[in-house]
Amino acid sequence: MRKFIFLYVFLFCGICFAHFGMIIPDVDYVGNKNESTIGVKIMFAHPFDGQTITMERPEEFGVIVNGDKVSLINKLKETKVTGYNEKDGHTGYFLKYTLEKPGDYIFYFISKPYWESADDKYTIHYTKVIVNGFELQDTWYKEIGLKTEIVPLTCPYTIYKGNTFSGIVKVDGKVAPFTDVKVEYYNENGRAKIPNPLFETQIIKCDGNGVFSYSFPESGWWGFSAVNTDDKNEIPYRDKLKKVEIGADLWLRVHIFRK
């Protein structure tokens, strides 16, 4: 008997305009002490269609370096973030950060719960991005202890256009089999075009070990959002307890191979 095992089922959702938590640094690699101060932008958005969403100050924001966690919540400055497809924009946050020693800098935030009326539930984003400092690759593949997170199986800051990235989705430190992972391109200047709206947000189905893979058709920033439900948490809304969706978001930058 032949056994057909589909490890990665690639689907396309309808016109669903995925809501991503985003951390976008100026760069994903710092190799020069004279250029070690970077800007980091934090926001909610529909990355491809150029629409931002007002974001409350995160519940938690920080960076993990060489295994040490440093809170940066008090250093966040409120700012206005504007997508290419809007005039006024919405509230986001920004900070300048200086990398002082070699290692992987894992920036992360935990959003405050926000109400999704269309889905009749709350959502919390657990978002992270990894910046390498001075070529020491030490912790990019490690969990950082979030409620849910995407743990890279491929180094996230050495990816060329056409390369394949793999990650594993975890909830409460355990693998989350068959999770849906949304994939979207940060169409920052609005120049990227797609064949039809079905391509805006693509969905990968993890395998039974919580693993997924994706190959990049274009350079730039790409976001992954692995969506699950927190079975241990409900939040009251108008005197009724509502389910809480948790999204593990990971951002990485895809580069062009130059000859």
Protein backbone atom coordinates (compact mmCIF):
# COMPACT_ATOMS: atom_id res chain seq x y z
CA MET A 1 0.00 0.00 0.00
CA ARG A 2 1.32 3.37 -0.96
CA LYS A 3 1.29 6.01 1.70
CA PHE A 4 1.03 9.58 0.61
CA ILE A 5 2.22 11.89 3.37
CA PHE A 6 1.71 15.55 2.75
CA LEU A 7 4.03 17.39 5.11
CA TYR A 8 3.19 20.86 3.91
CA VAL A 9 -0.20 21.63 2.46
CA PHE A 10 -0.16 24.99 0.73
CA LEU A 11 -3.50 26.75 0.62
CA PHE A 12 -4.71 30.15 -0.37
CA CYS A 13 -7.22 31.99 1.75
CA GLY A 14 -9.89 34.27 0.37
CA ILE A 15 -9.72 38.03 0.59
CA CYS A 16 -8.84 37.96 4.28
CA PHE A 17 -6.39 40.87 4.74
CA ALA A 18 -4.38 39.37 7.57
CA HIS A 19 -3.70 41.51 10.64
CA PHE A 20 -0.02 41.26 11.63
CA GLY A 21 1.96 42.43 14.60
CA MET A 22 5.10 43.96 13.09
CA ILE A 23 8.63 44.76 14.30
CA ILE A 24 10.65 46.23 11.43
CA PRO A 25 14.24 47.30 12.18
CA ASP A 26 16.34 49.40 9.81
CA VAL A 27 18.61 46.40 9.19
CA ASP A 28 18.86 42.71 10.13
CA TYR A 29 22.67 42.78 10.48
CA VAL A 30 25.12 45.17 12.12
CA GLY A 31 28.80 44.66 11.40
CA ASN A 32 30.28 48.07 12.10
CA LYS A 33 30.48 49.78 15.50
CA ASN A 34 30.06 53.13 13.77
CA GLU A 35 26.66 52.01 12.42
CA SER A 36 25.46 50.10 15.49
CA THR A 37 22.54 52.40 16.35
CA ILE A 38 19.41 51.26 14.53
CA GLY A 39 15.80 52.31 14.38
CA VAL A 40 13.06 49.83 15.26
CA LYS A 41 9.44 50.38 14.18
CA ILE A 42 6.52 48.61 15.91
CA MET A 43 2.97 48.55 14.57
CA PHE A 44 -0.18 46.69 13.57
CA ALA A 45 -0.89 46.53 9.85
CA HIS A 46 -2.14 44.69 6.82
CA PRO A 47 1.38 44.52 5.39
CA PHE A 48 0.64 44.00 1.71
CA ASP A 49 -2.27 46.34 1.10
CA GLY A 50 -0.69 49.31 2.88
CA GLN A 51 -3.20 49.75 5.70
CA THR A 52 -2.10 50.37 9.29
CA ILE A 53 -4.17 49.83 12.45
CA THR A 54 -4.05 51.78 15.70
CA MET A 55 -1.97 49.92 18.27
CA GLU A 56 -2.08 50.32 22.03
CA ARG A 57 1.25 50.42 23.82
CA PRO A 58 2.38 46.77 24.08
CA GLU A 59 1.95 44.79 27.25
CA GLU A 60 5.65 43.94 27.00
CA PHE A 61 8.49 44.93 24.70
CA GLY A 62 12.15 44.04 24.97
CA VAL A 63 15.24 42.42 23.54
CA ILE A 64 17.08 39.22 24.43
CA VAL A 65 20.86 39.25 23.94
CA ASN A 66 23.17 36.36 24.87
CA GLY A 67 20.24 34.91 26.83
CA ASP A 68 19.67 38.07 28.88
CA LYS A 69 16.24 39.73 28.66
CA VAL A 70 16.14 43.55 28.75
CA SER A 71 12.85 45.45 28.95
CA LEU A 72 12.57 48.36 26.51
CA ILE A 73 8.93 49.24 27.12
CA ASN A 74 9.78 52.60 28.70
CA LYS A 75 11.95 53.56 25.72
CA LEU A 76 9.18 53.25 23.16
CA LYS A 77 8.05 56.53 21.65
CA GLU A 78 4.59 56.87 20.19
CA THR A 79 4.59 57.81 16.52
CA LYS A 80 2.32 57.90 13.49
CA VAL A 81 2.79 55.05 11.01
CA THR A 82 1.31 55.40 7.56
CA GLY A 83 0.87 52.75 4.89
CA TYR A 84 1.19 53.56 1.19
CA ASN A 85 -2.57 53.16 0.77
CA GLU A 86 -3.71 55.70 3.37
CA LYS A 87 -3.30 59.40 4.18
CA ASP A 88 -3.46 59.78 7.94
CA GLY A 89 -2.05 56.53 9.31
CA HIS A 90 -2.41 55.22 12.85
CA THR A 91 -0.60 54.98 16.15
CA GLY A 92 2.57 52.90 16.27
CA TYR A 93 5.87 53.06 18.15
CA PHE A 94 9.55 53.65 17.50
CA LEU A 95 12.88 53.55 19.28
CA LYS A 96 16.57 53.89 18.60
CA TYR A 97 18.69 51.03 19.91
CA THR A 98 22.47 50.57 19.99
CA LEU A 99 24.00 47.11 19.61
CA GLU A 100 26.97 47.01 21.95
CA LYS A 101 28.28 43.44 21.81
CA PRO A 102 28.34 40.46 19.43
CA GLY A 103 25.34 38.15 19.32
CA ASP A 104 21.78 37.70 18.12
CA TYR A 105 19.40 40.44 19.25
CA ILE A 106 15.87 39.04 19.51
CA PHE A 107 13.40 41.94 19.70
CA TYR A 108 9.88 40.97 20.77
CA PHE A 109 6.57 42.37 21.94
CA ILE A 110 3.38 41.04 23.50
CA SER A 111 0.38 43.10 22.45
CA LYS A 112 -2.54 44.02 24.63
CA PRO A 113 -5.64 41.96 23.77
CA TYR A 114 -7.76 43.65 21.12
CA TRP A 115 -11.34 42.89 20.19
CA GLU A 116 -12.10 41.44 16.74
CA SER A 117 -15.81 42.03 16.29
CA ALA A 118 -15.97 40.16 12.96
CA ASP A 119 -14.56 37.03 14.60
CA ASP A 120 -16.27 37.50 18.00
CA LYS A 121 -13.00 37.04 19.91
CA TYR A 122 -9.93 38.75 21.29
CA THR A 123 -6.49 38.51 19.71
CA ILE A 124 -3.01 38.78 21.24
CA HIS A 125 0.12 39.00 19.10
CA TYR A 126 3.48 37.60 20.21
CA THR A 127 5.84 39.17 17.69
CA LYS A 128 9.59 38.96 17.19
CA VAL A 129 12.44 39.77 14.82
CA ILE A 130 16.12 38.83 15.02
CA VAL A 131 19.03 41.17 14.24
CA ASN A 132 22.58 39.85 14.15
CA GLY A 133 25.31 41.87 15.81
CA PHE A 134 28.94 41.59 14.69
CA GLU A 135 28.66 38.09 13.20
CA LEU A 136 28.21 36.03 16.38
CA GLN A 137 25.35 33.64 15.57
CA ASP A 138 24.41 32.30 18.99
CA THR A 139 20.67 32.24 19.77
CA TRP A 140 18.57 32.73 16.60
CA TYR A 141 17.35 29.12 16.83
CA LYS A 142 16.33 29.24 20.50
CA GLU A 143 12.92 29.72 22.10
CA ILE A 144 12.51 32.85 24.20
CA GLY A 145 9.66 31.66 26.39
CA LEU A 146 6.66 33.37 24.81
CA LYS A 147 3.17 31.91 25.14
CA THR A 148 3.42 31.08 21.45
CA GLU A 149 6.28 31.61 19.03
CA ILE A 150 7.80 30.58 15.74
CA VAL A 151 11.23 29.07 16.36
CA PRO A 152 13.46 29.33 13.25
CA LEU A 153 14.98 26.17 11.83
CA THR A 154 16.74 28.26 9.18
CA CYS A 155 18.93 31.23 10.08
CA PRO A 156 16.52 34.17 9.53
CA TYR A 157 19.03 36.86 8.56
CA THR A 158 21.02 35.03 5.84
CA ILE A 159 18.23 34.37 3.35
CA TYR A 160 18.40 35.06 -0.37
CA LYS A 161 15.48 35.50 -2.73
CA GLY A 162 14.58 31.96 -3.80
CA ASN A 163 15.80 30.37 -0.55
CA THR A 164 13.50 28.27 1.63
CA PHE A 165 12.85 29.12 5.28
CA SER A 166 11.62 26.55 7.82
CA GLY A 167 10.28 27.10 11.30
CA ILE A 168 8.45 25.28 14.05
CA VAL A 169 5.33 26.62 15.78
CA LYS A 170 5.08 26.21 19.54
CA VAL A 171 2.40 26.97 22.12
CA ASP A 172 3.30 26.78 25.83
CA GLY A 173 6.66 25.31 24.79
CA LYS A 174 5.07 22.39 22.94
CA VAL A 175 4.84 21.85 19.20
CA ALA A 176 1.55 22.91 17.63
CA PRO A 177 0.74 20.40 14.86
CA PHE A 178 -1.27 21.41 11.79
CA THR A 179 -1.28 25.10 12.70
CA ASP A 180 -2.20 27.56 9.96
CA VAL A 181 0.69 29.95 9.24
CA LYS A 182 -0.20 33.12 7.35
CA VAL A 183 2.51 34.56 5.08
CA GLU A 184 2.53 38.11 3.79
CA TYR A 185 4.96 40.48 2.08
CA TYR A 186 5.56 43.97 3.51
CA ASN A 187 4.67 45.96 0.42
CA GLU A 188 6.10 49.13 1.92
CA ASN A 189 6.05 51.33 -1.18
CA GLY A 190 3.08 49.71 -2.90
CA ARG A 191 5.08 48.66 -5.97
CA ALA A 192 4.58 44.91 -5.62
CA LYS A 193 1.70 43.50 -7.69
CA ILE A 194 -0.08 40.15 -7.37
CA PRO A 195 -2.10 38.14 -9.93
CA ASN A 196 -5.30 38.44 -7.89
CA PRO A 197 -6.36 39.11 -4.27
CA LEU A 198 -6.02 35.44 -3.31
CA PHE A 199 -2.23 35.88 -3.34
CA GLU A 200 -2.16 38.65 -0.74
CA THR A 201 -2.17 36.36 2.30
CA GLN A 202 -0.93 32.84 1.71
CA ILE A 203 -1.42 30.04 4.22
CA ILE A 204 0.83 27.12 5.03
CA LYS A 205 -0.45 24.16 7.04
CA CYS A 206 2.20 22.89 9.47
CA ASP A 207 2.93 19.18 9.52
CA GLY A 208 2.27 16.93 12.52
CA ASN A 209 5.45 18.18 14.18
CA GLY A 210 4.50 21.83 13.90
CA VAL A 211 7.02 22.43 11.11
CA PHE A 212 6.42 24.57 8.00
CA SER A 213 8.51 25.81 5.07
CA TYR A 214 8.25 28.67 2.60
CA SER A 215 10.30 29.74 -0.44
CA PHE A 216 10.56 33.46 -1.16
CA PRO A 217 9.70 34.85 -4.60
CA GLU A 218 10.93 38.37 -3.81
CA SER A 219 13.39 40.30 -1.65
CA GLY A 220 12.26 42.52 1.23
CA TRP A 221 10.57 41.98 4.57
CA TRP A 222 8.29 38.95 4.99
CA GLY A 223 6.00 38.14 7.89
CA PHE A 224 4.75 34.81 9.26
CA SER A 225 1.81 34.60 11.66
CA ALA A 226 0.94 31.23 13.25
CA VAL A 227 -2.58 31.33 14.64
CA ASN A 228 -3.95 29.23 17.51
CA THR A 229 -6.53 29.54 20.28
CA ASP A 230 -5.50 29.89 23.92
CA ASP A 231 -7.60 27.20 25.59
CA LYS A 232 -6.53 28.38 29.04
CA ASN A 233 -7.72 31.96 28.70
CA GLU A 234 -11.01 33.75 28.13
CA ILE A 235 -11.68 37.49 28.39
CA PRO A 236 -15.03 39.06 29.27
CA TYR A 237 -16.74 41.22 26.65
CA ARG A 238 -20.13 42.71 27.51
CA ASP A 239 -20.58 40.24 30.37
CA LYS A 240 -19.74 37.21 28.24
CA LEU A 241 -16.48 35.28 28.19
CA LYS A 242 -14.83 35.30 24.77
CA LYS A 243 -12.13 33.11 23.28
CA VAL A 244 -8.61 34.46 22.78
CA GLU A 245 -6.73 33.93 19.52
CA ILE A 246 -2.95 33.99 19.83
CA GLY A 247 -0.70 34.83 16.90
CA ALA A 248 3.01 33.99 16.85
CA ASP A 249 4.52 36.52 14.44
CA LEU A 250 8.04 36.38 12.99
CA TRP A 251 9.59 38.88 10.59
CA LEU A 252 12.66 38.37 8.43
CA ARG A 253 14.37 40.13 5.56
CA VAL A 254 15.11 38.44 2.23
CA HIS A 255 18.19 39.62 0.32
CA ILE A 256 19.28 39.63 -3.33
CA PHE A 257 22.31 37.63 -4.44
CA ARG A 258 24.63 40.03 -6.23
CA LYS A 259 27.30 38.83 -8.69
